[in-house]
Each structure stands twice: as C-alpha cells, then as structure tokens.
C-alpha cells in the first residue's frame, strides 16, 4: 500500500492506494466534518488543519479561521473544536433582502 497526494477542490490531501486494486481510497481517519484531518507540514514541522469550504465574508469578519496550526495533532484538534464552538455561538446577522433602486 502506497501513500500519495491527491488534489482536491480546495487543497491536496493524503490518500492511500492498494496496488492490488489500483484505486485511491481516502486516508485512514478521513472524516466529513467542517475540517480536513490534521496533517503534519514537513517544511515547518507543525501540524495544521484546513476547512473543507471557504469562509463567508461574515465568518471572516467575525474572526473565524480557515486554517489552524499547532505543534502537535492534539493541539490542532483543540483549536478545531474551539473554532467550531465559535462558529456555533457567533451572532448571526440578518441579510437585508430589500431591493436597491436608484438612477445610475
């Protein structure tokens, strides 16, 4: 079984392939939550996790992060949980659906 990088819609992620089947399968422990599984950055020797989707403008303005990084996988998982809690408890702003009219 080999390990290689597979390109995803937002970023690359590790996958494993079985030489007998010749197909790529998700890496062990891959989940379907808000975050991709934490990975170790071999250049900086830190762990990081990326969101599966881009943040909205409102989420960015409320201080949510699209990437968290730490010195250990456990630290990154705590930061992921902290960001999830912030996302659940942040005030939701109502988007005005008024028509804007004027002469241009």
Protein backbone atom coordinates (compact mmCIF):
# COMPACT_ATOMS: atom_id res chain seq x y z
CA UNK A 1 0.00 0.00 0.00
CA UNK A 2 1.45 3.38 -1.01
CA UNK A 3 0.75 6.91 0.13
CA UNK A 4 0.46 9.80 -2.30
CA UNK A 5 -1.10 13.24 -2.61
CA UNK A 6 -4.43 13.64 -4.37
CA UNK A 7 -5.63 17.03 -5.49
CA UNK A 8 -8.98 18.11 -4.02
CA UNK A 9 -11.21 21.08 -4.82
CA UNK A 10 -9.64 23.29 -2.12
CA UNK A 11 -6.26 21.70 -1.44
CA UNK A 12 -4.34 18.47 -1.66
CA UNK A 13 -4.68 15.69 0.88
CA UNK A 14 -3.01 12.36 1.58
CA UNK A 15 -4.63 9.21 0.25
CA UNK A 16 -3.59 5.59 0.24
CA UNK A 17 -3.80 3.22 -2.70
CA UNK A 18 -3.95 -0.53 -2.74
CA UNK A 19 -1.66 -1.87 -5.51
CA UNK A 20 -3.93 -4.90 -5.93
CA UNK A 21 -6.93 -2.71 -6.77
CA UNK A 22 -5.08 0.21 -8.33
CA UNK A 23 -7.53 2.75 -6.92
CA UNK A 24 -7.09 5.54 -4.39
CA UNK A 25 -9.09 5.48 -1.18
CA UNK A 26 -9.44 8.19 1.49
CA UNK A 27 -6.64 8.31 4.06
CA UNK A 28 -7.31 6.48 7.30
CA UNK A 29 -9.45 8.53 9.67
CA UNK A 30 -10.74 10.90 6.95
CA UNK A 31 -13.99 12.42 8.19
CA UNK A 32 -16.70 14.52 6.61
CA UNK A 33 -16.93 17.33 9.20
CA UNK A 34 -16.06 21.03 8.76
CA UNK A 35 -12.32 20.28 8.77
CA UNK A 36 -9.98 18.09 6.78
CA UNK A 37 -7.97 15.77 9.01
CA UNK A 38 -4.88 17.44 10.58
CA UNK A 39 -1.62 16.87 8.68
CA UNK A 40 1.99 17.47 9.59
CA UNK A 41 3.70 20.13 7.47
CA UNK A 42 7.12 18.63 6.80
CA UNK A 43 8.63 22.01 5.94
CA UNK A 44 7.71 23.76 9.20
CA UNK A 45 7.32 20.61 11.35
CA UNK A 46 3.94 21.89 12.58
CA UNK A 47 0.51 20.32 12.40
CA UNK A 48 -2.27 22.11 10.52
CA UNK A 49 -5.89 21.58 9.55
CA UNK A 50 -7.84 23.35 6.80
CA UNK A 51 -11.57 23.94 6.46
CA UNK A 52 -13.34 21.93 3.78
CA UNK A 53 -15.04 25.04 2.38
CA UNK A 54 -14.09 28.71 2.12
CA UNK A 55 -15.27 31.07 4.85
CA UNK A 56 -18.01 33.55 4.07
CA UNK A 57 -17.29 37.25 4.39
CA UNK A 58 -19.33 37.39 7.61
CA UNK A 59 -17.40 34.46 9.09
CA UNK A 60 -14.07 36.16 8.28
CA UNK A 61 -15.30 39.43 9.79
CA UNK A 62 -16.34 37.55 12.94
CA UNK A 63 -12.76 36.27 13.30
CA UNK A 64 -13.20 32.65 12.24
CA UNK A 65 -10.16 30.93 10.76
CA UNK A 66 -9.84 28.72 7.68
CA UNK A 67 -6.55 27.17 8.90
CA UNK A 68 -5.39 26.27 12.39
CA UNK A 69 -1.82 25.20 13.23
CA UNK A 70 -0.01 23.89 16.28
CA UNK A 71 2.99 21.91 17.49
CA UNK A 72 1.01 18.68 17.95
CA UNK A 73 -2.02 16.98 16.45
CA UNK A 74 -3.80 17.18 19.83
CA UNK A 75 -3.24 20.95 19.95
CA UNK A 76 -4.66 21.36 16.44
CA UNK A 77 -7.72 19.28 17.33
CA UNK A 78 -8.34 21.55 20.36
CA UNK A 79 -8.11 24.59 18.07
CA UNK A 80 -10.53 22.96 15.61
CA UNK A 81 -13.03 22.37 18.45
CA UNK A 82 -12.57 25.96 19.68
CA UNK A 83 -13.28 27.30 16.18
CA UNK A 84 -16.33 25.02 15.87
CA UNK A 85 -17.66 26.39 19.18
CA UNK A 86 -17.06 29.97 18.00
CA UNK A 87 -18.89 29.22 14.75
CA UNK A 88 -21.90 27.79 16.60
CA UNK A 89 -22.16 30.66 19.09
CA UNK A 90 -21.37 33.65 16.85
CA UNK A 91 -24.24 36.09 16.33
CA UNK A 92 -25.98 35.62 13.00
CA UNK A 93 -26.57 38.81 11.06
CA UNK A 94 -29.72 39.05 9.01
CA UNK A 95 -29.09 39.85 5.38
CA UNK A 96 -31.40 42.55 4.10
CA UNK A 97 -33.37 41.44 1.09
CA UNK A 98 -34.54 44.94 0.16
CA UNK A 99 -34.35 45.97 -3.45
CA UNK A 100 -32.00 48.81 -4.03
CA UNK A 101 -33.29 51.24 -6.60
CA UNK A 102 -31.81 54.38 -7.95
CA UNK A 103 -30.65 56.04 -11.07
CA UNK A 104 -27.16 55.38 -12.29
